[in-house]
Amino acid sequence: MQSRPQQPSNPESQPVRLRVLSVVIPAMDEEDCIESTVEHLHLELRLKGIEHEIVVVDDHSRDGTWEKLSQLSHRIPELRPVRNDDFPGFGRAIQTGLEAMTGDAVVIFMADESDDVRDVPRYWEVLQQGYDCAFGSRFIKGGGTIDYPWLKMRLNRMANTFIRLLFGIRFNDFTNAFKAYRREVIEGCKPILSPHFNLTVELPLKAIVRGYSWSVLPITWRNRRTGVAKLKIREMGSRYFFIVAYVWLEKYFSRGDYHRKTQVADLSAADVEH
């Protein structure tokens, strides 16, 4: 039987209200667009009355990205520029941002603003309903893409179909980084292994396999207008496969050791014994 979007853990109880949203943005050589991305995001969240912080992680940029962020932080106090002091890598930059965040939940957002800032408050509302995760899909009714490269689209659909069938999950957009998680989900998905773009698959797969609730909503995406895409398809194939295989082995062979409900049950049993 295929897995479907999961309801909040305690649908009959009042969900715990989230107070602060963190938005984590990895940025490598994005001086041409990072300023407008932060400004648009900040304006949208401020208009919606969402208390927030924007954590932009400079991932070893060789241009003026860090200088732009430093200047912008004087005008937007909610902006928190940090640097990835580890080896460069999309996944490492996001992990740096996740460690630095102080909010109750997080949205991972792209520096080129390929995803729509108006979808961020919609994610926030889903989490406020009690869901642990909010996943967007560009490939369901109401979603869409603009100027998606043909080859990249074909590879995207093939990869997502493979993952969907392998895990029996009715979700079709794992490979997009733009998703939202409550803080406890990020903690529950550790250790995070992916140093590169395969993190986009690791987080949602682990969240689902480990028993966190999730909901899907349509989102829109458009190709970047400035800069150069950082994803190198030839380099990422084996890395995506590794992380998918890793989570698949956890799902079918770990006997639920990492499942959230199992962890709670084991802890309760230990308390009783003592």
Protein backbone atom coordinates (compact mmCIF):
# COMPACT_ATOMS: atom_id res chain seq x y z
CA MET A 1 0.00 0.00 0.00
CA GLN A 2 1.34 3.42 -0.90
CA SER A 3 2.11 6.01 1.75
CA ARG A 4 -0.05 9.11 1.65
CA PRO A 5 0.41 12.55 3.23
CA GLN A 6 0.23 12.01 6.97
CA GLN A 7 -2.13 13.83 9.30
CA PRO A 8 -0.80 15.75 12.32
CA SER A 9 0.25 13.46 15.13
CA ASN A 10 -2.51 14.64 17.48
CA PRO A 11 -5.32 15.87 15.21
CA GLU A 12 -7.79 16.19 18.09
CA SER A 13 -5.51 18.33 20.26
CA GLN A 14 -4.63 21.96 19.74
CA PRO A 15 -1.35 22.12 17.77
CA VAL A 16 1.56 23.89 19.40
CA ARG A 17 1.75 27.36 17.88
CA LEU A 18 5.01 28.26 16.25
CA ARG A 19 6.38 31.70 17.01
CA VAL A 20 9.44 32.34 14.81
CA LEU A 21 10.17 31.13 11.29
CA SER A 22 13.74 30.70 10.11
CA VAL A 23 14.51 30.81 6.40
CA VAL A 24 17.85 29.22 5.48
CA ILE A 25 19.37 30.28 2.17
CA PRO A 26 22.65 28.76 0.87
CA ALA A 27 24.49 31.21 -1.37
CA MET A 28 27.57 30.73 -3.52
CA ASP A 29 28.54 33.58 -5.87
CA GLU A 30 25.07 35.14 -5.82
CA GLU A 31 25.95 38.85 -5.61
CA ASP A 32 23.65 39.68 -8.55
CA CYS A 33 20.48 38.37 -6.92
CA ILE A 34 20.91 37.82 -3.18
CA GLU A 35 19.91 41.37 -2.25
CA SER A 36 16.59 41.26 -4.10
CA THR A 37 15.84 37.75 -2.83
CA VAL A 38 16.27 38.78 0.80
CA GLU A 39 14.30 42.00 0.32
CA HIS A 40 11.37 40.26 -1.38
CA LEU A 41 11.29 37.50 1.22
CA HIS A 42 11.50 39.90 4.15
CA LEU A 43 8.74 42.10 2.73
CA GLU A 44 6.41 39.14 2.14
CA LEU A 45 6.85 37.78 5.65
CA ARG A 46 6.52 41.21 7.23
CA LEU A 47 3.29 41.89 5.33
CA LYS A 48 1.91 38.54 6.54
CA GLY A 49 2.86 39.37 10.13
CA ILE A 50 5.23 36.41 10.48
CA GLU A 51 8.06 36.88 12.96
CA HIS A 52 11.15 35.62 11.18
CA GLU A 53 14.88 35.50 10.65
CA ILE A 54 16.67 35.02 7.34
CA VAL A 55 19.89 33.01 7.68
CA VAL A 56 21.96 33.34 4.51
CA VAL A 57 24.99 31.06 4.42
CA ASP A 58 27.86 32.28 2.25
CA ASP A 59 29.28 29.07 0.80
CA HIS A 60 32.84 30.13 -0.10
CA SER A 61 31.75 32.82 -2.55
CA ARG A 62 34.46 34.37 -4.69
CA ASP A 63 32.45 37.46 -5.63
CA GLY A 64 30.85 40.20 -3.55
CA THR A 65 28.11 38.07 -1.97
CA TRP A 66 29.42 38.48 1.59
CA GLU A 67 29.86 42.22 1.21
CA LYS A 68 26.30 42.55 -0.12
CA LEU A 69 24.96 40.59 2.82
CA SER A 70 26.95 42.58 5.37
CA GLN A 71 25.61 45.86 4.00
CA LEU A 72 22.06 44.56 3.74
CA SER A 73 22.04 43.35 7.36
CA HIS A 74 22.27 46.97 8.52
CA ARG A 75 18.94 47.71 6.80
CA ILE A 76 17.22 44.40 7.60
CA PRO A 77 17.89 43.32 11.21
CA GLU A 78 16.15 39.99 10.55
CA LEU A 79 18.99 39.07 8.17
CA ARG A 80 21.74 36.95 9.73
CA PRO A 81 24.66 36.34 7.37
CA VAL A 82 26.87 33.40 8.34
CA ARG A 83 29.73 31.64 6.62
CA ASN A 84 30.23 27.97 5.87
CA ASP A 85 33.66 27.32 7.38
CA ASP A 86 33.58 23.66 6.33
CA PHE A 87 34.42 22.44 2.84
CA PRO A 88 32.16 24.01 0.20
CA GLY A 89 28.96 22.21 -0.71
CA PHE A 90 25.24 22.91 -0.96
CA GLY A 91 24.40 20.39 1.76
CA ARG A 92 27.15 21.62 4.06
CA ALA A 93 25.95 25.21 3.65
CA ILE A 94 22.39 24.23 4.57
CA GLN A 95 23.63 22.27 7.58
CA THR A 96 25.53 25.36 8.70
CA GLY A 97 22.30 27.36 8.44
CA LEU A 98 20.31 24.72 10.31
CA GLU A 99 22.81 24.82 13.16
CA ALA A 100 22.66 28.63 13.25
CA MET A 101 18.86 29.00 13.10
CA THR A 102 16.92 30.01 16.21
CA GLY A 103 13.34 29.66 14.95
CA ASP A 104 10.69 27.06 15.75
CA ALA A 105 10.59 25.93 12.12
CA VAL A 106 12.63 26.34 8.97
CA VAL A 107 12.07 26.85 5.27
CA ILE A 108 14.94 26.09 2.90
CA PHE A 109 14.92 28.67 0.13
CA MET A 110 17.10 29.18 -2.95
CA ALA A 111 19.27 32.28 -3.30
CA ASP A 112 18.22 32.84 -6.92
CA GLU A 113 14.54 33.16 -5.88
CA SER A 114 13.55 30.39 -8.26
CA ASP A 115 10.82 29.49 -5.80
CA ASP A 116 8.03 31.96 -5.08
CA VAL A 117 8.33 33.96 -1.85
CA ARG A 118 4.52 33.95 -1.64
CA ASP A 119 4.62 30.21 -1.02
CA VAL A 120 6.66 30.63 2.19
CA PRO A 121 3.70 31.95 4.28
CA ARG A 122 1.60 29.09 2.87
CA TYR A 123 4.15 26.61 4.22
CA TRP A 124 4.03 28.40 7.57
CA GLU A 125 0.25 28.01 7.74
CA VAL A 126 0.52 24.28 7.07
CA LEU A 127 2.98 23.89 9.94
CA GLN A 128 0.74 25.97 12.20
CA GLN A 129 -2.03 23.43 11.56
CA GLY A 130 0.09 20.87 13.38
CA TYR A 131 1.93 19.18 10.53
CA ASP A 132 5.61 18.45 11.06
CA CYS A 133 6.55 19.08 7.42
CA ALA A 134 5.19 21.03 4.46
CA PHE A 135 6.25 19.77 1.04
CA GLY A 136 5.58 21.68 -2.16
CA SER A 137 5.14 20.10 -5.56
CA ARG A 138 5.58 21.79 -8.91
CA PHE A 139 3.94 18.83 -10.63
CA ILE A 140 0.42 18.67 -9.18
CA LYS A 141 -2.70 20.66 -10.03
CA GLY A 142 -2.12 24.30 -9.15
CA GLY A 143 1.68 24.03 -9.36
CA GLY A 144 3.92 24.83 -12.29
CA THR A 145 7.32 25.64 -13.73
CA ILE A 146 8.59 28.43 -15.99
CA ASP A 147 11.53 27.99 -18.36
CA TYR A 148 12.58 24.62 -16.96
CA PRO A 149 15.46 23.21 -19.11
CA TRP A 150 14.22 20.24 -21.14
CA LEU A 151 16.96 17.75 -20.19
CA LYS A 152 16.86 18.72 -16.53
CA MET A 153 13.08 18.25 -16.53
CA ARG A 154 13.31 14.75 -17.99
CA LEU A 155 15.96 13.70 -15.48
CA ASN A 156 13.94 15.26 -12.66
CA ARG A 157 10.80 13.31 -13.52
CA MET A 158 12.72 10.06 -13.91
CA ALA A 159 14.47 10.47 -10.56
CA ASN A 160 11.31 11.41 -8.69
CA THR A 161 9.34 8.54 -10.23
CA PHE A 162 12.08 6.11 -9.21
CA ILE A 163 12.04 7.36 -5.61
CA ARG A 164 8.25 7.37 -5.44
CA LEU A 165 7.96 3.77 -6.64
CA LEU A 166 10.91 2.54 -4.56
CA PHE A 167 9.43 3.87 -1.31
CA GLY A 168 5.74 3.61 -2.22
CA ILE A 169 5.14 7.27 -1.39
CA ARG A 170 2.54 9.41 -3.14
CA PHE A 171 4.73 12.47 -3.52
CA ASN A 172 6.42 13.49 -6.76
CA ASP A 173 8.87 16.35 -6.05
CA PHE A 174 11.56 15.13 -3.65
CA THR A 175 14.44 16.79 -5.48
CA ASN A 176 13.36 20.40 -4.88
CA ALA A 177 15.05 21.90 -1.82
CA PHE A 178 12.16 24.28 -1.12
CA LYS A 179 10.41 22.60 1.83
CA ALA A 180 9.50 23.41 5.44
CA TYR A 181 10.15 21.52 8.66
CA ARG A 182 9.49 22.01 12.35
CA ARG A 183 12.70 22.21 14.38
CA GLU A 184 12.14 18.81 15.97
CA VAL A 185 12.08 17.20 12.52
CA ILE A 186 15.54 18.54 11.72
CA GLU A 187 16.80 17.20 15.04
CA GLY A 188 15.09 13.86 14.37
CA CYS A 189 16.71 13.54 10.93
CA LYS A 190 20.24 13.72 12.29
CA PRO A 191 22.88 12.71 11.47
CA ILE A 192 22.52 14.52 8.16
CA LEU A 193 24.94 12.92 5.72
CA SER A 194 24.63 14.79 2.43
CA PRO A 195 27.33 17.39 1.70
CA HIS A 196 25.88 18.35 -1.68
CA PHE A 197 22.53 18.62 -3.47
CA ASN A 198 21.53 15.11 -2.37
CA LEU A 199 20.46 16.75 0.88
CA THR A 200 17.30 17.82 -0.97
CA VAL A 201 16.32 14.13 -1.06
CA GLU A 202 17.71 13.10 2.33
CA LEU A 203 15.63 15.43 4.49
CA PRO A 204 12.12 14.67 3.16
CA LEU A 205 12.77 10.93 2.81
CA LYS A 206 14.12 10.67 6.35
CA ALA A 207 11.23 12.74 7.71
CA ILE A 208 8.68 10.42 6.09
CA VAL A 209 10.48 7.19 6.93
CA ARG A 210 10.97 8.27 10.55
CA GLY A 211 7.27 8.91 11.05
CA TYR A 212 6.80 12.67 10.92
CA SER A 213 3.53 14.06 9.59
CA TRP A 214 3.48 15.91 6.28
CA SER A 215 1.23 17.69 3.85
CA VAL A 216 1.64 18.67 0.19
CA LEU A 217 0.63 21.90 -1.52
CA PRO A 218 1.17 23.17 -5.08
CA ILE A 219 4.02 25.60 -5.64
CA THR A 220 5.51 27.43 -8.63
CA TRP A 221 9.11 27.55 -9.83
CA ARG A 222 10.96 29.57 -12.46
CA ASN A 223 14.45 29.25 -13.81
CA ARG A 224 17.07 31.63 -12.46
CA ARG A 225 17.41 34.95 -14.27
CA THR A 226 20.96 35.76 -13.13
CA GLY A 227 24.06 33.82 -12.21
CA VAL A 228 24.97 30.22 -12.96
CA ALA A 229 23.23 27.07 -11.70
CA LYS A 230 25.41 25.20 -9.19
CA LEU A 231 23.93 21.73 -9.68
CA LYS A 232 26.24 19.49 -11.75
CA ILE A 233 24.07 16.59 -12.91
CA ARG A 234 26.98 14.34 -13.92
CA GLU A 235 28.55 14.68 -10.49
CA MET A 236 25.36 14.12 -8.51
CA GLY A 237 23.94 10.87 -9.90
CA SER A 238 25.87 8.49 -7.66
CA ARG A 239 25.44 10.78 -4.65
CA TYR A 240 21.66 10.83 -5.05
CA PHE A 241 21.65 7.06 -5.43
CA PHE A 242 23.76 6.62 -2.29
CA ILE A 243 21.43 8.63 -0.07
CA VAL A 244 18.30 7.02 -1.51
CA ALA A 245 19.80 3.56 -0.89
CA TYR A 246 20.82 4.58 2.62
CA VAL A 247 17.31 5.69 3.60
CA TRP A 248 15.77 2.68 1.86
CA LEU A 249 17.93 0.36 3.97
CA GLU A 250 16.85 2.27 7.08
CA LYS A 251 13.19 1.92 6.14
CA TYR A 252 13.24 -1.82 5.56
CA PHE A 253 16.09 -3.13 7.73
CA SER A 254 16.45 -0.89 10.82
CA ARG A 255 13.40 -2.47 12.52
CA GLY A 256 12.07 0.98 13.35
CA ASP A 257 15.03 2.00 15.50
CA TYR A 258 14.97 5.54 14.09
CA HIS A 259 11.19 5.90 13.84
CA ARG A 260 9.86 8.71 16.01
CA LYS A 261 7.02 6.71 17.56
CA THR A 262 9.32 3.79 18.27
CA GLN A 263 11.79 6.09 19.97
CA VAL A 264 9.03 7.51 22.18
CA ALA A 265 7.76 4.01 23.02
CA ASP A 266 11.26 2.77 23.86
CA LEU A 267 11.87 5.78 26.09
CA SER A 268 8.58 5.27 27.92
CA ALA A 269 9.37 1.60 28.48
CA ALA A 270 12.79 2.51 29.87
CA ASP A 271 11.21 5.00 32.25
CA VAL A 272 8.84 2.33 33.54
CA GLU A 273 11.66 -0.13 34.09
CA HIS A 274 13.56 2.41 36.17
